[in-house]
Amino acid sequence: MHWQLQEAKNKLSQVIHEAQTTGPQTITVRGKETAVVISAADYQKLTDKKDSLLKFFQESPLTDVELDLTRSKESGRDIEL
């Protein structure tokens, strides 16, 4: 839902309740989206430390797949400049 700043200030408890129950609440100033109020649970999901890329690849079900990583000795194609 979109809230004008003055309305959001007057109904802060409702804005917070709506963020917890229905999702992010957008606050506008002079018709422009300015801020978003989200629940603490949603904030935690956004800020929790993610696993590293290395750990992701180490835990991949494809870790046993053999890849041919040799580079071709060909020089490529001839082009005119």
N, C-alpha and C. Protein backbone atom coordinates (compact mmCIF):
# COMPACT_ATOMS: atom_id res chain seq x y z
N MET A 1 0.83 -1.17 0.00
CA MET A 1 0.00 0.00 0.00
C MET A 1 0.88 1.24 0.00
N HIS A 2 0.39 2.31 -0.58
CA HIS A 2 1.10 3.59 -0.59
C HIS A 2 0.49 4.52 0.46
N TRP A 3 1.36 5.17 1.20
CA TRP A 3 0.95 6.11 2.23
C TRP A 3 1.61 7.46 1.96
N GLN A 4 0.83 8.53 2.04
CA GLN A 4 1.44 9.85 2.01
C GLN A 4 2.14 10.05 3.35
N LEU A 5 3.23 10.79 3.35
CA LEU A 5 4.03 10.94 4.55
C LEU A 5 3.21 11.38 5.76
N GLN A 6 2.38 12.38 5.60
CA GLN A 6 1.60 12.89 6.73
C GLN A 6 0.67 11.80 7.27
N GLU A 7 0.03 11.05 6.36
CA GLU A 7 -0.86 9.97 6.79
C GLU A 7 -0.07 8.88 7.49
N ALA A 8 1.12 8.56 6.98
CA ALA A 8 1.96 7.53 7.61
C ALA A 8 2.37 7.95 9.01
N LYS A 9 2.67 9.25 9.19
CA LYS A 9 3.03 9.73 10.52
C LYS A 9 1.84 9.61 11.47
N ASN A 10 0.67 9.95 10.99
CA ASN A 10 -0.53 9.90 11.84
C ASN A 10 -0.96 8.48 12.16
N LYS A 11 -0.65 7.55 11.28
CA LYS A 11 -1.11 6.16 11.46
C LYS A 11 0.07 5.20 11.49
N LEU A 12 1.14 5.59 12.16
CA LEU A 12 2.35 4.77 12.18
C LEU A 12 2.08 3.35 12.67
N SER A 13 1.28 3.21 13.70
CA SER A 13 0.97 1.86 14.20
C SER A 13 0.32 1.01 13.13
N GLN A 14 -0.58 1.60 12.36
CA GLN A 14 -1.24 0.85 11.29
C GLN A 14 -0.26 0.52 10.16
N VAL A 15 0.63 1.45 9.84
CA VAL A 15 1.64 1.20 8.80
C VAL A 15 2.50 0.01 9.21
N ILE A 16 2.93 0.00 10.47
CA ILE A 16 3.76 -1.11 10.96
C ILE A 16 2.98 -2.41 10.95
N HIS A 17 1.74 -2.38 11.40
CA HIS A 17 0.91 -3.60 11.39
C HIS A 17 0.75 -4.13 9.97
N GLU A 18 0.50 -3.24 9.03
CA GLU A 18 0.34 -3.65 7.62
C GLU A 18 1.64 -4.24 7.07
N ALA A 19 2.78 -3.66 7.45
CA ALA A 19 4.06 -4.19 7.00
C ALA A 19 4.28 -5.61 7.51
N GLN A 20 3.81 -5.87 8.74
CA GLN A 20 3.97 -7.20 9.33
C GLN A 20 3.01 -8.22 8.74
N THR A 21 1.82 -7.78 8.38
CA THR A 21 0.79 -8.74 7.96
C THR A 21 0.61 -8.84 6.44
N THR A 22 0.78 -7.73 5.72
CA THR A 22 0.51 -7.79 4.28
C THR A 22 1.71 -7.53 3.40
N GLY A 23 2.81 -7.03 3.99
CA GLY A 23 4.01 -6.81 3.19
C GLY A 23 4.47 -5.36 3.23
N PRO A 24 5.50 -5.06 2.43
CA PRO A 24 6.10 -3.73 2.44
C PRO A 24 5.08 -2.61 2.20
N GLN A 25 5.29 -1.50 2.92
CA GLN A 25 4.43 -0.32 2.81
C GLN A 25 5.28 0.84 2.27
N THR A 26 4.82 1.43 1.18
CA THR A 26 5.55 2.51 0.53
C THR A 26 5.06 3.86 1.04
N ILE A 27 6.01 4.74 1.37
CA ILE A 27 5.67 6.09 1.82
C ILE A 27 6.09 7.06 0.72
N THR A 28 5.18 7.97 0.40
CA THR A 28 5.45 8.94 -0.66
C THR A 28 5.54 10.35 -0.10
N VAL A 29 6.33 11.17 -0.77
CA VAL A 29 6.42 12.59 -0.46
C VAL A 29 6.21 13.33 -1.77
N ARG A 30 5.18 14.15 -1.81
CA ARG A 30 4.79 14.88 -3.02
C ARG A 30 4.60 13.95 -4.21
N GLY A 31 4.03 12.78 -3.94
CA GLY A 31 3.71 11.82 -4.99
C GLY A 31 4.86 10.93 -5.42
N LYS A 32 6.04 11.12 -4.88
CA LYS A 32 7.20 10.29 -5.24
C LYS A 32 7.47 9.28 -4.14
N GLU A 33 7.71 8.03 -4.55
CA GLU A 33 8.06 6.99 -3.58
C GLU A 33 9.37 7.37 -2.91
N THR A 34 9.35 7.43 -1.58
CA THR A 34 10.50 7.93 -0.83
C THR A 34 11.09 6.90 0.11
N ALA A 35 10.24 6.09 0.72
CA ALA A 35 10.71 5.11 1.70
C ALA A 35 9.78 3.90 1.69
N VAL A 36 10.30 2.81 2.23
CA VAL A 36 9.52 1.59 2.35
C VAL A 36 9.67 1.06 3.77
N VAL A 37 8.55 0.74 4.39
CA VAL A 37 8.56 0.13 5.72
C VAL A 37 8.33 -1.36 5.53
N ILE A 38 9.26 -2.17 6.07
CA ILE A 38 9.12 -3.62 5.99
C ILE A 38 9.17 -4.20 7.40
N SER A 39 8.70 -5.43 7.51
CA SER A 39 8.71 -6.10 8.82
C SER A 39 10.15 -6.46 9.19
N ALA A 40 10.37 -6.68 10.47
CA ALA A 40 11.69 -7.08 10.95
C ALA A 40 12.09 -8.42 10.33
N ALA A 41 11.13 -9.32 10.16
CA ALA A 41 11.42 -10.63 9.56
C ALA A 41 11.91 -10.46 8.12
N ASP A 42 11.24 -9.60 7.35
CA ASP A 42 11.67 -9.36 5.97
C ASP A 42 13.06 -8.72 5.94
N TYR A 43 13.31 -7.80 6.88
CA TYR A 43 14.61 -7.15 6.96
C TYR A 43 15.71 -8.18 7.25
N GLN A 44 15.44 -9.10 8.17
CA GLN A 44 16.41 -10.15 8.49
C GLN A 44 16.74 -10.99 7.27
N LYS A 45 15.71 -11.32 6.49
CA LYS A 45 15.95 -12.11 5.27
C LYS A 45 16.87 -11.36 4.31
N LEU A 46 16.70 -10.05 4.24
CA LEU A 46 17.51 -9.25 3.31
C LEU A 46 18.94 -9.06 3.80
N THR A 47 19.14 -9.05 5.11
CA THR A 47 20.46 -8.72 5.65
C THR A 47 21.24 -9.90 6.20
N ASP A 48 20.62 -11.07 6.32
CA ASP A 48 21.36 -12.23 6.82
C ASP A 48 22.54 -12.52 5.90
N LYS A 49 23.65 -12.90 6.53
CA LYS A 49 24.84 -13.22 5.76
C LYS A 49 24.57 -14.44 4.89
N LYS A 50 24.87 -14.28 3.65
CA LYS A 50 24.69 -15.37 2.70
C LYS A 50 25.94 -16.24 2.69
N ASP A 51 25.78 -17.48 2.26
CA ASP A 51 26.93 -18.35 2.12
C ASP A 51 27.84 -17.82 1.01
N SER A 52 29.09 -18.15 1.09
CA SER A 52 30.05 -17.70 0.09
C SER A 52 29.84 -18.47 -1.21
N LEU A 53 30.33 -17.90 -2.28
CA LEU A 53 30.25 -18.55 -3.59
C LEU A 53 31.02 -19.86 -3.57
N LEU A 54 32.15 -19.88 -2.89
CA LEU A 54 32.94 -21.10 -2.78
C LEU A 54 32.12 -22.20 -2.11
N LYS A 55 31.45 -21.87 -1.00
CA LYS A 55 30.64 -22.87 -0.30
C LYS A 55 29.50 -23.36 -1.19
N PHE A 56 28.91 -22.44 -1.96
CA PHE A 56 27.84 -22.82 -2.89
C PHE A 56 28.33 -23.88 -3.87
N PHE A 57 29.51 -23.65 -4.46
CA PHE A 57 30.03 -24.62 -5.42
C PHE A 57 30.46 -25.91 -4.75
N GLN A 58 31.01 -25.83 -3.54
CA GLN A 58 31.42 -27.03 -2.82
C GLN A 58 30.24 -27.92 -2.47
N GLU A 59 29.08 -27.32 -2.22
CA GLU A 59 27.89 -28.09 -1.85
C GLU A 59 27.00 -28.42 -3.04
N SER A 60 27.44 -28.07 -4.21
CA SER A 60 26.64 -28.32 -5.42
C SER A 60 26.54 -29.81 -5.69
N PRO A 61 25.38 -30.25 -6.19
CA PRO A 61 25.26 -31.67 -6.57
C PRO A 61 26.10 -32.00 -7.80
N LEU A 62 26.70 -31.01 -8.43
CA LEU A 62 27.51 -31.23 -9.62
C LEU A 62 29.00 -31.27 -9.32
N THR A 63 29.38 -31.39 -8.06
CA THR A 63 30.81 -31.37 -7.70
C THR A 63 31.58 -32.53 -8.30
N ASP A 64 30.92 -33.64 -8.60
CA ASP A 64 31.61 -34.80 -9.16
C ASP A 64 31.68 -34.79 -10.68
N VAL A 65 31.12 -33.78 -11.32
CA VAL A 65 31.11 -33.70 -12.77
C VAL A 65 32.49 -33.26 -13.25
N GLU A 66 33.03 -33.98 -14.21
CA GLU A 66 34.34 -33.63 -14.77
C GLU A 66 34.14 -32.64 -15.91
N LEU A 67 34.86 -31.55 -15.88
CA LEU A 67 34.80 -30.55 -16.93
C LEU A 67 36.11 -30.54 -17.70
N ASP A 68 36.00 -30.40 -19.03
CA ASP A 68 37.19 -30.27 -19.86
C ASP A 68 37.51 -28.78 -19.95
N LEU A 69 38.53 -28.35 -19.24
CA LEU A 69 38.89 -26.95 -19.19
C LEU A 69 40.13 -26.62 -20.02
N THR A 70 40.53 -27.54 -20.91
CA THR A 70 41.69 -27.27 -21.77
C THR A 70 41.30 -26.25 -22.82
N ARG A 71 42.25 -25.38 -23.11
CA ARG A 71 42.01 -24.31 -24.07
C ARG A 71 42.45 -24.76 -25.45
N SER A 72 41.65 -24.40 -26.44
CA SER A 72 41.97 -24.74 -27.82
C SER A 72 43.24 -24.00 -28.24
N LYS A 73 44.10 -24.66 -29.02
CA LYS A 73 45.34 -24.05 -29.50
C LYS A 73 45.10 -23.25 -30.78
N GLU A 74 43.89 -23.30 -31.34
CA GLU A 74 43.59 -22.56 -32.55
C GLU A 74 43.68 -21.07 -32.27
N SER A 75 44.09 -20.31 -33.29
CA SER A 75 44.26 -18.87 -33.09
C SER A 75 42.97 -18.09 -33.36
N GLY A 76 41.95 -18.76 -33.75
CA GLY A 76 40.69 -18.07 -34.03
C GLY A 76 40.50 -17.90 -35.53
N ARG A 77 39.69 -16.96 -35.89
CA ARG A 77 39.40 -16.76 -37.31
C ARG A 77 40.08 -15.50 -37.82
N ASP A 78 40.33 -15.46 -39.11
CA ASP A 78 40.90 -14.28 -39.74
C ASP A 78 39.81 -13.31 -40.06
N ILE A 79 40.05 -12.02 -39.78
CA ILE A 79 39.07 -10.99 -40.12
C ILE A 79 39.78 -9.84 -40.81
N GLU A 80 39.05 -9.14 -41.65
CA GLU A 80 39.61 -7.97 -42.31
C GLU A 80 39.17 -6.74 -41.55
N LEU A 81 40.12 -5.84 -41.33
CA LEU A 81 39.82 -4.60 -40.64
C LEU A 81 39.83 -3.44 -41.59
